[in-house]
N, C-alpha and C. Protein backbone atom coordinates (compact mmCIF):
# COMPACT_ATOMS: atom_id res chain seq x y z
N MET A 1 -179.97 -135.92 12.84
CA MET A 1 -178.73 -136.58 12.48
C MET A 1 -179.01 -137.80 11.58
N GLU A 2 -179.99 -138.58 11.96
CA GLU A 2 -180.36 -139.78 11.19
C GLU A 2 -180.89 -139.38 9.80
N ILE A 3 -181.67 -138.31 9.75
CA ILE A 3 -182.22 -137.84 8.47
C ILE A 3 -181.08 -137.41 7.54
N ARG A 4 -180.11 -136.70 8.08
CA ARG A 4 -178.95 -136.27 7.29
C ARG A 4 -178.18 -137.47 6.75
N ARG A 5 -177.97 -138.46 7.59
CA ARG A 5 -177.26 -139.67 7.18
C ARG A 5 -178.02 -140.38 6.05
N LEU A 6 -179.34 -140.47 6.20
CA LEU A 6 -180.14 -141.14 5.18
C LEU A 6 -180.15 -140.35 3.87
N ARG A 7 -180.17 -139.03 3.95
CA ARG A 7 -180.09 -138.20 2.74
C ARG A 7 -178.76 -138.41 2.03
N ASP A 8 -177.68 -138.43 2.81
CA ASP A 8 -176.36 -138.66 2.23
C ASP A 8 -176.28 -140.04 1.57
N GLU A 9 -176.85 -141.03 2.24
CA GLU A 9 -176.86 -142.38 1.69
C GLU A 9 -177.68 -142.44 0.40
N LYS A 10 -178.82 -141.76 0.41
CA LYS A 10 -179.66 -141.71 -0.79
C LYS A 10 -178.91 -141.04 -1.94
N GLN A 11 -178.24 -139.94 -1.65
CA GLN A 11 -177.47 -139.23 -2.67
C GLN A 11 -176.36 -140.11 -3.24
N ALA A 12 -175.69 -140.82 -2.37
CA ALA A 12 -174.62 -141.72 -2.82
C ALA A 12 -175.18 -142.81 -3.73
N LEU A 13 -176.32 -143.37 -3.38
CA LEU A 13 -176.95 -144.40 -4.20
C LEU A 13 -177.39 -143.84 -5.55
N GLN A 14 -177.92 -142.64 -5.56
CA GLN A 14 -178.33 -142.01 -6.81
C GLN A 14 -177.12 -141.75 -7.71
N ASN A 15 -176.02 -141.31 -7.12
CA ASN A 15 -174.79 -141.09 -7.89
C ASN A 15 -174.28 -142.39 -8.49
N GLU A 16 -174.31 -143.44 -7.70
CA GLU A 16 -173.86 -144.75 -8.16
C GLU A 16 -174.74 -145.26 -9.29
N GLN A 17 -176.04 -145.06 -9.16
CA GLN A 17 -176.97 -145.49 -10.19
C GLN A 17 -176.74 -144.71 -11.48
N ALA A 18 -176.51 -143.41 -11.38
CA ALA A 18 -176.23 -142.60 -12.56
C ALA A 18 -174.94 -143.04 -13.24
N SER A 19 -173.94 -143.37 -12.44
CA SER A 19 -172.67 -143.84 -12.98
C SER A 19 -172.85 -145.15 -13.72
N ARG A 20 -173.62 -146.06 -13.15
CA ARG A 20 -173.88 -147.35 -13.80
C ARG A 20 -174.65 -147.15 -15.11
N GLN A 21 -175.61 -146.23 -15.08
CA GLN A 21 -176.39 -145.96 -16.29
C GLN A 21 -175.51 -145.39 -17.38
N ASP A 22 -174.58 -144.50 -17.01
CA ASP A 22 -173.65 -143.93 -17.97
C ASP A 22 -172.77 -145.02 -18.58
N LEU A 23 -172.26 -145.91 -17.75
CA LEU A 23 -171.44 -147.02 -18.25
C LEU A 23 -172.25 -147.91 -19.18
N ARG A 24 -173.48 -148.20 -18.80
CA ARG A 24 -174.35 -149.05 -19.62
C ARG A 24 -174.59 -148.39 -20.98
N THR A 25 -174.80 -147.08 -20.98
CA THR A 25 -175.02 -146.35 -22.23
C THR A 25 -173.78 -146.42 -23.12
N ARG A 26 -172.60 -146.21 -22.53
CA ARG A 26 -171.36 -146.28 -23.31
C ARG A 26 -171.14 -147.68 -23.88
N LEU A 27 -171.44 -148.70 -23.09
CA LEU A 27 -171.28 -150.08 -23.57
C LEU A 27 -172.26 -150.37 -24.70
N ASP A 28 -173.50 -149.89 -24.57
CA ASP A 28 -174.48 -150.09 -25.64
C ASP A 28 -174.03 -149.41 -26.93
N GLU A 29 -173.49 -148.19 -26.81
CA GLU A 29 -172.99 -147.48 -27.99
C GLU A 29 -171.84 -148.24 -28.64
N MET A 30 -170.95 -148.77 -27.81
CA MET A 30 -169.82 -149.53 -28.34
C MET A 30 -170.30 -150.80 -29.02
N MET A 31 -171.26 -151.47 -28.44
CA MET A 31 -171.78 -152.70 -29.04
C MET A 31 -172.45 -152.41 -30.38
N ARG A 32 -173.20 -151.33 -30.48
CA ARG A 32 -173.81 -150.95 -31.75
C ARG A 32 -172.72 -150.68 -32.80
N PHE A 33 -171.69 -149.96 -32.38
CA PHE A 33 -170.59 -149.65 -33.29
C PHE A 33 -169.90 -150.93 -33.76
N LEU A 34 -169.61 -151.83 -32.83
CA LEU A 34 -168.92 -153.08 -33.19
C LEU A 34 -169.79 -153.96 -34.08
N ASN A 35 -171.08 -153.98 -33.83
CA ASN A 35 -171.97 -154.79 -34.67
C ASN A 35 -172.05 -154.26 -36.09
N ASP A 36 -171.81 -152.98 -36.29
CA ASP A 36 -171.85 -152.39 -37.62
C ASP A 36 -170.53 -152.54 -38.39
N LEU A 37 -169.49 -153.02 -37.72
CA LEU A 37 -168.19 -153.18 -38.38
C LEU A 37 -168.23 -154.35 -39.34
N PRO A 38 -167.39 -154.28 -40.39
CA PRO A 38 -167.26 -155.46 -41.24
C PRO A 38 -166.65 -156.59 -40.42
N CYS A 39 -166.86 -157.79 -40.86
CA CYS A 39 -166.42 -158.97 -40.09
C CYS A 39 -164.91 -159.02 -39.89
N GLU A 40 -164.17 -158.53 -40.84
CA GLU A 40 -162.72 -158.65 -40.75
C GLU A 40 -162.06 -157.33 -41.11
N LEU A 41 -161.25 -156.84 -40.20
CA LEU A 41 -160.47 -155.63 -40.49
C LEU A 41 -159.07 -156.07 -40.91
N THR A 42 -158.61 -155.56 -42.03
CA THR A 42 -157.30 -155.95 -42.51
C THR A 42 -156.30 -154.81 -42.49
N GLU A 43 -156.77 -153.60 -42.20
CA GLU A 43 -155.85 -152.47 -42.12
C GLU A 43 -156.34 -151.49 -41.07
N TYR A 44 -155.46 -150.60 -40.68
CA TYR A 44 -155.74 -149.60 -39.66
C TYR A 44 -156.86 -148.68 -40.11
N GLU A 45 -157.83 -148.44 -39.24
CA GLU A 45 -158.94 -147.53 -39.52
C GLU A 45 -159.00 -146.48 -38.41
N GLU A 46 -158.66 -145.26 -38.75
CA GLU A 46 -158.61 -144.16 -37.79
C GLU A 46 -159.95 -143.95 -37.08
N ASP A 47 -161.05 -144.02 -37.83
CA ASP A 47 -162.37 -143.81 -37.24
C ASP A 47 -162.69 -144.85 -36.17
N TYR A 48 -162.32 -146.09 -36.42
CA TYR A 48 -162.59 -147.15 -35.45
C TYR A 48 -161.79 -146.94 -34.17
N VAL A 49 -160.53 -146.59 -34.35
CA VAL A 49 -159.66 -146.37 -33.19
C VAL A 49 -160.18 -145.21 -32.35
N ARG A 50 -160.52 -144.13 -32.98
CA ARG A 50 -161.02 -142.95 -32.25
C ARG A 50 -162.35 -143.22 -31.57
N THR A 51 -163.15 -144.09 -32.14
CA THR A 51 -164.45 -144.42 -31.55
C THR A 51 -164.29 -145.34 -30.35
N LEU A 52 -163.36 -146.27 -30.41
CA LEU A 52 -163.23 -147.29 -29.37
C LEU A 52 -162.28 -146.94 -28.23
N LEU A 53 -161.19 -146.25 -28.53
CA LEU A 53 -160.14 -146.07 -27.54
C LEU A 53 -160.17 -144.69 -26.90
N GLU A 54 -159.95 -144.68 -25.60
CA GLU A 54 -159.82 -143.43 -24.86
C GLU A 54 -158.35 -143.00 -24.86
N LYS A 55 -157.47 -143.94 -24.45
CA LYS A 55 -156.04 -143.63 -24.44
C LYS A 55 -155.22 -144.90 -24.34
N ILE A 56 -153.96 -144.76 -24.70
CA ILE A 56 -152.98 -145.83 -24.56
C ILE A 56 -151.80 -145.25 -23.79
N THR A 57 -151.45 -145.90 -22.68
CA THR A 57 -150.33 -145.46 -21.85
C THR A 57 -149.20 -146.45 -22.02
N VAL A 58 -148.04 -145.95 -22.43
CA VAL A 58 -146.89 -146.82 -22.71
C VAL A 58 -145.86 -146.70 -21.59
N TYR A 59 -145.45 -147.85 -21.06
CA TYR A 59 -144.41 -147.95 -20.05
C TYR A 59 -143.23 -148.71 -20.66
N ASP A 60 -142.15 -148.84 -19.92
CA ASP A 60 -140.95 -149.51 -20.45
C ASP A 60 -141.21 -150.95 -20.88
N ASP A 61 -141.93 -151.73 -20.07
CA ASP A 61 -142.10 -153.15 -20.36
C ASP A 61 -143.55 -153.58 -20.57
N TYR A 62 -144.48 -152.66 -20.62
CA TYR A 62 -145.88 -152.98 -20.90
C TYR A 62 -146.61 -151.70 -21.29
N PHE A 63 -147.83 -151.87 -21.77
CA PHE A 63 -148.68 -150.70 -22.01
C PHE A 63 -150.11 -151.02 -21.63
N ILE A 64 -150.89 -149.98 -21.39
CA ILE A 64 -152.27 -150.13 -20.96
C ILE A 64 -153.16 -149.45 -22.00
N VAL A 65 -154.15 -150.21 -22.48
CA VAL A 65 -155.12 -149.70 -23.43
C VAL A 65 -156.42 -149.46 -22.67
N GLU A 66 -156.91 -148.22 -22.71
CA GLU A 66 -158.16 -147.88 -22.04
C GLU A 66 -159.21 -147.56 -23.10
N PHE A 67 -160.29 -148.32 -23.06
CA PHE A 67 -161.39 -148.13 -23.99
C PHE A 67 -162.33 -147.06 -23.45
N LYS A 68 -163.12 -146.49 -24.34
CA LYS A 68 -164.06 -145.46 -23.91
C LYS A 68 -165.13 -146.01 -22.99
N SER A 69 -165.31 -147.29 -23.00
CA SER A 69 -166.29 -147.92 -22.10
C SER A 69 -165.79 -147.97 -20.67
N GLY A 70 -164.50 -147.66 -20.47
CA GLY A 70 -163.93 -147.71 -19.14
C GLY A 70 -163.10 -148.96 -18.87
N ILE A 71 -163.15 -149.90 -19.77
CA ILE A 71 -162.38 -151.14 -19.62
C ILE A 71 -160.92 -150.86 -19.93
N GLU A 72 -160.03 -151.41 -19.09
CA GLU A 72 -158.59 -151.27 -19.31
C GLU A 72 -157.97 -152.65 -19.48
N ILE A 73 -157.03 -152.73 -20.41
CA ILE A 73 -156.30 -153.98 -20.65
C ILE A 73 -154.81 -153.68 -20.60
N GLN A 74 -154.10 -154.48 -19.82
CA GLN A 74 -152.64 -154.36 -19.76
C GLN A 74 -152.04 -155.38 -20.70
N ILE A 75 -151.12 -154.91 -21.55
CA ILE A 75 -150.46 -155.79 -22.51
C ILE A 75 -148.97 -155.80 -22.17
N ASP A 76 -148.47 -157.00 -21.84
CA ASP A 76 -147.08 -157.16 -21.40
C ASP A 76 -146.23 -157.63 -22.59
N GLU A 77 -145.74 -156.72 -23.37
CA GLU A 77 -144.86 -157.07 -24.48
C GLU A 77 -143.92 -155.94 -24.75
């Protein structure tokens, strides 16, 4: 019973570590992409949007922007 519990715990830790590594990889990719951008964007760029954003969810009085890195921002306007 103890061995099974420890195996399950080990598996959970390995899954968590893999998830963190995946997030770290996505953040590194995003940082490389952002560092390669020109200093100032003055118009809409489809490639940038598709690279950075996962989805935008619109509600009646706010919307949520979800980046591919997993970060979400709520905008109340």
